[in-house]
Protein backbone atom coordinates (compact mmCIF):
# COMPACT_ATOMS: atom_id res chain seq x y z
CA MET A 1 0.00 0.00 0.00
CA LYS A 2 1.30 3.44 -0.88
CA GLY A 3 1.85 6.11 1.73
CA PHE A 4 -0.53 8.99 2.30
CA GLU A 5 1.62 11.52 0.43
CA GLU A 6 2.03 9.22 -2.56
CA ARG A 7 -1.71 8.65 -2.81
CA LEU A 8 -2.42 12.37 -2.44
CA SER A 9 0.05 13.10 -5.24
CA ALA A 10 -1.62 10.46 -7.43
CA LEU A 11 -5.00 12.09 -6.77
CA GLU A 12 -3.59 15.47 -7.76
CA GLU A 13 -2.22 13.99 -11.01
CA ILE A 14 -5.59 12.44 -11.80
CA THR A 15 -7.29 15.78 -11.18
CA GLU A 16 -4.89 17.58 -13.52
CA LYS A 17 -5.41 14.99 -16.27
CA ILE A 18 -9.20 15.25 -16.03
CA GLN A 19 -9.12 19.05 -15.94
CA SER A 20 -6.87 19.23 -19.00
CA GLY A 21 -9.69 17.98 -21.19
CA ASP A 22 -7.20 16.27 -23.50
CA ILE A 23 -8.39 12.73 -22.76
CA PRO A 24 -11.33 10.76 -24.14
CA LEU A 25 -14.50 10.58 -22.07
CA GLU A 26 -14.06 6.89 -21.26
CA LYS A 27 -10.57 7.52 -19.89
CA ALA A 28 -11.83 10.52 -17.90
CA VAL A 29 -14.53 8.38 -16.29
CA GLU A 30 -11.98 5.69 -15.46
CA LEU A 31 -9.66 8.27 -13.90
CA PHE A 32 -12.58 9.79 -12.01
CA GLU A 33 -13.41 6.39 -10.50
CA GLN A 34 -9.78 5.95 -9.44
CA GLY A 35 -9.79 9.45 -7.97
CA VAL A 36 -12.94 8.80 -5.95
CA ALA A 37 -11.42 5.60 -4.54
CA LEU A 38 -8.22 7.44 -3.62
CA ALA A 39 -10.13 10.32 -2.04
CA ARG A 40 -12.23 7.97 0.09
CA GLY A 41 -9.13 6.15 1.31
CA LEU A 42 -7.43 9.44 2.14
CA GLU A 43 -10.51 10.62 4.03
CA LYS A 44 -10.50 7.44 6.12
CA ASP A 45 -6.82 7.90 6.91
CA LEU A 46 -7.40 11.52 7.94
CA ALA A 47 -10.31 10.49 10.18
CA LYS A 48 -8.05 7.94 11.91
CA ILE A 49 -5.36 10.55 12.41
CA GLU A 50 -7.89 13.05 13.79
CA ARG A 51 -9.14 10.45 16.30
CA LYS A 52 -5.57 9.71 17.42
CA ILE A 53 -4.87 13.41 17.89
CA GLU A 54 -8.11 13.84 19.82
CA ILE A 55 -7.18 10.95 22.12
CA LEU A 56 -3.67 12.27 22.65
CA THR A 57 -4.81 15.81 23.41
CA ASN A 58 -7.32 14.53 25.96
CA GLN A 59 -4.72 12.52 27.88
CA PRO A 60 -4.21 13.72 31.45
CA ASP A 61 -1.01 15.64 32.19
CA THR A 62 -0.38 13.67 35.37
CA PRO A 63 -1.44 10.15 36.42
CA GLU A 64 -3.69 11.65 39.11
CA GLU A 65 -5.82 13.50 36.55
CA SER A 66 -8.60 11.77 34.71
CA PRO A 67 -8.93 12.18 30.93
CA GLU A 68 -11.52 14.57 29.53
CA LEU A 69 -14.15 12.37 27.92
CA GLU A 70 -16.78 14.93 27.00
CA LEU A 71 -16.78 16.57 23.59
CA PHE A 72 -17.86 20.00 24.88
CA PRO A 73 -17.17 20.15 28.63
CA GLU A 74 -17.60 23.93 28.66
CA LEU A 75 -21.30 23.48 27.85
CA ASN A 76 -21.83 21.39 30.99
CA ALA A 77 -20.15 23.94 33.25
CA GLY A 78 -23.41 25.86 33.55
CA ASP A 79 -25.31 22.70 34.59
CA GLU A 80 -23.69 22.75 38.02
CA GLU A 81 -25.49 26.01 38.85
CA LEU A 82 -28.94 24.58 38.08
């Protein structure tokens, strides 16, 4: 399997070929299908990376702290006053 950067570069090349308009319709459709598959794979990889970053940024600074598990803890701050 190619790396993220290689697949992104391949997607950019496909985009340029399609936008050039110098290829037959059948070839453009074939390239479009390849591009969609690449884009979906890249999106999945980015989603995984975002989840990892989210997990890492929510890790406690010290072992005594508990991790922040809520998506928007600032919204629940006002609940304590109710």
